[in-house]
Amino acid sequence: MRVEQVTAKALKNVNYDRYLLASAVGKRAEELANGAQPLIDFDPRKYKYADIALHEIAEGKIAVSLES
């Protein structure tokens, strides 16, 4: 799936709030960088942490809310 499609799907999951999506991707990417295991089948040695985080949100593996 193309990055644009993944981003559109992730935006839909956060009610089209770009700031919330950027914040959630940043927080999750930091968690991945600090050793958290990806919730989807992506090799962290081949993909950037932000890309993995974006895919996790798009697939609904990470719940994002205003409180997060």
N, C-alpha and C. Protein backbone atom coordinates (compact mmCIF):
# COMPACT_ATOMS: atom_id res chain seq x y z
N MET A 1 0.85 -1.17 0.00
CA MET A 1 0.00 0.00 0.00
C MET A 1 0.90 1.24 0.00
N ARG A 2 0.52 2.23 -0.78
CA ARG A 2 1.31 3.46 -0.89
C ARG A 2 1.18 4.29 0.39
N VAL A 3 2.20 5.10 0.63
CA VAL A 3 2.24 5.93 1.83
C VAL A 3 1.02 6.85 1.90
N GLU A 4 0.61 7.39 0.77
CA GLU A 4 -0.55 8.28 0.75
C GLU A 4 -1.81 7.56 1.22
N GLN A 5 -1.96 6.32 0.80
CA GLN A 5 -3.12 5.54 1.18
C GLN A 5 -3.09 5.21 2.67
N VAL A 6 -1.91 4.86 3.18
CA VAL A 6 -1.76 4.55 4.60
C VAL A 6 -2.05 5.79 5.43
N THR A 7 -1.53 6.93 5.00
CA THR A 7 -1.77 8.19 5.72
C THR A 7 -3.25 8.54 5.73
N ALA A 8 -3.93 8.38 4.61
CA ALA A 8 -5.36 8.67 4.54
C ALA A 8 -6.14 7.76 5.48
N LYS A 9 -5.77 6.48 5.53
CA LYS A 9 -6.44 5.53 6.41
C LYS A 9 -6.18 5.89 7.88
N ALA A 10 -4.96 6.28 8.20
CA ALA A 10 -4.62 6.67 9.57
C ALA A 10 -5.35 7.95 9.96
N LEU A 11 -5.43 8.91 9.04
CA LEU A 11 -6.16 10.15 9.32
C LEU A 11 -7.62 9.87 9.62
N LYS A 12 -8.20 8.95 8.89
CA LYS A 12 -9.60 8.58 9.13
C LYS A 12 -9.77 8.04 10.54
N ASN A 13 -8.78 7.28 11.02
CA ASN A 13 -8.85 6.69 12.36
C ASN A 13 -8.69 7.72 13.48
N VAL A 14 -8.20 8.92 13.16
CA VAL A 14 -8.05 9.98 14.17
C VAL A 14 -8.97 11.16 13.85
N ASN A 15 -10.05 10.88 13.14
CA ASN A 15 -11.04 11.91 12.78
C ASN A 15 -10.41 13.08 12.02
N TYR A 16 -9.48 12.77 11.16
CA TYR A 16 -8.84 13.74 10.26
C TYR A 16 -8.11 14.87 11.01
N ASP A 17 -7.63 14.59 12.21
CA ASP A 17 -6.86 15.55 12.99
C ASP A 17 -5.37 15.31 12.72
N ARG A 18 -4.78 16.12 11.87
CA ARG A 18 -3.38 15.92 11.48
C ARG A 18 -2.43 16.09 12.65
N TYR A 19 -2.72 17.06 13.53
CA TYR A 19 -1.86 17.27 14.69
C TYR A 19 -1.87 16.05 15.58
N LEU A 20 -3.04 15.51 15.85
CA LEU A 20 -3.17 14.32 16.69
C LEU A 20 -2.43 13.14 16.07
N LEU A 21 -2.55 12.98 14.76
CA LEU A 21 -1.86 11.89 14.08
C LEU A 21 -0.35 12.06 14.19
N ALA A 22 0.15 13.26 13.94
CA ALA A 22 1.59 13.52 14.01
C ALA A 22 2.11 13.25 15.42
N SER A 23 1.35 13.68 16.41
CA SER A 23 1.75 13.47 17.81
C SER A 23 1.77 11.98 18.15
N ALA A 24 0.75 11.25 17.72
CA ALA A 24 0.67 9.82 18.01
C ALA A 24 1.78 9.05 17.30
N VAL A 25 2.07 9.40 16.06
CA VAL A 25 3.15 8.74 15.33
C VAL A 25 4.48 9.00 16.03
N GLY A 26 4.70 10.24 16.45
CA GLY A 26 5.94 10.58 17.15
C GLY A 26 6.12 9.82 18.44
N LYS A 27 5.06 9.73 19.23
CA LYS A 27 5.13 9.00 20.51
C LYS A 27 5.38 7.52 20.29
N ARG A 28 4.66 6.94 19.32
CA ARG A 28 4.83 5.51 19.06
C ARG A 28 6.21 5.22 18.46
N ALA A 29 6.69 6.09 17.60
CA ALA A 29 8.03 5.91 17.01
C ALA A 29 9.09 5.94 18.11
N GLU A 30 8.92 6.81 19.08
CA GLU A 30 9.86 6.87 20.20
C GLU A 30 9.82 5.58 21.01
N GLU A 31 8.62 5.05 21.24
CA GLU A 31 8.49 3.78 21.95
C GLU A 31 9.21 2.66 21.19
N LEU A 32 9.02 2.64 19.87
CA LEU A 32 9.68 1.61 19.05
C LEU A 32 11.20 1.77 19.11
N ALA A 33 11.67 3.01 19.08
CA ALA A 33 13.11 3.26 19.14
C ALA A 33 13.70 2.82 20.48
N ASN A 34 12.86 2.86 21.51
CA ASN A 34 13.32 2.45 22.84
C ASN A 34 13.11 0.97 23.12
N GLY A 35 12.75 0.20 22.10
CA GLY A 35 12.71 -1.25 22.25
C GLY A 35 11.35 -1.90 22.22
N ALA A 36 10.28 -1.14 22.06
CA ALA A 36 8.94 -1.76 21.98
C ALA A 36 8.84 -2.60 20.71
N GLN A 37 8.09 -3.67 20.80
CA GLN A 37 7.92 -4.56 19.65
C GLN A 37 6.80 -4.02 18.74
N PRO A 38 7.02 -4.04 17.43
CA PRO A 38 5.95 -3.62 16.51
C PRO A 38 4.72 -4.51 16.64
N LEU A 39 3.55 -3.91 16.51
CA LEU A 39 2.29 -4.66 16.60
C LEU A 39 1.85 -5.22 15.26
N ILE A 40 2.62 -4.92 14.22
CA ILE A 40 2.35 -5.46 12.89
C ILE A 40 3.61 -6.15 12.41
N ASP A 41 3.50 -6.91 11.35
CA ASP A 41 4.63 -7.71 10.86
C ASP A 41 5.55 -6.86 9.98
N PHE A 42 6.33 -5.98 10.63
CA PHE A 42 7.32 -5.16 9.94
C PHE A 42 8.65 -5.35 10.64
N ASP A 43 9.71 -5.43 9.88
CA ASP A 43 11.05 -5.58 10.44
C ASP A 43 11.60 -4.19 10.77
N PRO A 44 11.80 -3.87 12.05
CA PRO A 44 12.28 -2.54 12.42
C PRO A 44 13.68 -2.22 11.87
N ARG A 45 14.40 -3.23 11.40
CA ARG A 45 15.71 -2.95 10.81
C ARG A 45 15.59 -2.49 9.36
N LYS A 46 14.44 -2.74 8.73
CA LYS A 46 14.24 -2.36 7.33
C LYS A 46 13.40 -1.10 7.16
N TYR A 47 12.55 -0.80 8.15
CA TYR A 47 11.63 0.33 8.03
C TYR A 47 11.90 1.35 9.13
N LYS A 48 11.59 2.59 8.84
CA LYS A 48 11.73 3.64 9.84
C LYS A 48 10.65 3.45 10.90
N TYR A 49 10.96 3.87 12.12
CA TYR A 49 10.01 3.73 13.22
C TYR A 49 8.72 4.50 12.94
N ALA A 50 8.83 5.67 12.34
CA ALA A 50 7.64 6.47 12.03
C ALA A 50 6.74 5.75 11.02
N ASP A 51 7.34 5.07 10.06
CA ASP A 51 6.55 4.31 9.08
C ASP A 51 5.80 3.16 9.75
N ILE A 52 6.47 2.48 10.66
CA ILE A 52 5.82 1.38 11.37
C ILE A 52 4.67 1.92 12.22
N ALA A 53 4.91 3.03 12.92
CA ALA A 53 3.88 3.63 13.76
C ALA A 53 2.67 4.05 12.93
N LEU A 54 2.92 4.65 11.78
CA LEU A 54 1.83 5.08 10.91
C LEU A 54 1.00 3.89 10.45
N HIS A 55 1.66 2.81 10.08
CA HIS A 55 0.94 1.60 9.66
C HIS A 55 0.14 1.01 10.83
N GLU A 56 0.71 1.02 12.03
CA GLU A 56 -0.01 0.50 13.19
C GLU A 56 -1.31 1.28 13.43
N ILE A 57 -1.23 2.60 13.32
CA ILE A 57 -2.42 3.44 13.51
C ILE A 57 -3.42 3.20 12.39
N ALA A 58 -2.94 3.11 11.16
CA ALA A 58 -3.83 2.88 10.02
C ALA A 58 -4.56 1.54 10.13
N GLU A 59 -3.89 0.55 10.67
CA GLU A 59 -4.49 -0.78 10.81
C GLU A 59 -5.33 -0.92 12.08
N GLY A 60 -5.37 0.14 12.89
CA GLY A 60 -6.18 0.10 14.10
C GLY A 60 -5.55 -0.64 15.26
N LYS A 61 -4.25 -0.90 15.19
CA LYS A 61 -3.55 -1.60 16.27
C LYS A 61 -3.26 -0.67 17.44
N ILE A 62 -3.23 0.62 17.16
CA ILE A 62 -2.99 1.63 18.20
C ILE A 62 -4.23 2.52 18.27
N ALA A 63 -4.80 2.62 19.45
CA ALA A 63 -5.96 3.49 19.66
C ALA A 63 -5.44 4.90 19.99
N VAL A 64 -5.92 5.88 19.27
CA VAL A 64 -5.48 7.26 19.46
C VAL A 64 -6.67 8.07 19.91
N SER A 65 -6.47 8.83 20.98
CA SER A 65 -7.54 9.70 21.48
C SER A 65 -6.93 11.03 21.88
N LEU A 66 -7.76 11.99 22.18
CA LEU A 66 -7.28 13.30 22.57
C LEU A 66 -6.49 13.26 23.88
N GLU A 67 -6.73 12.27 24.71
CA GLU A 67 -6.03 12.17 25.98
C GLU A 67 -4.64 11.59 25.84
N SER A 68 -4.29 10.99 24.69
CA SER A 68 -3.00 10.32 24.56
C SER A 68 -1.86 11.25 24.31
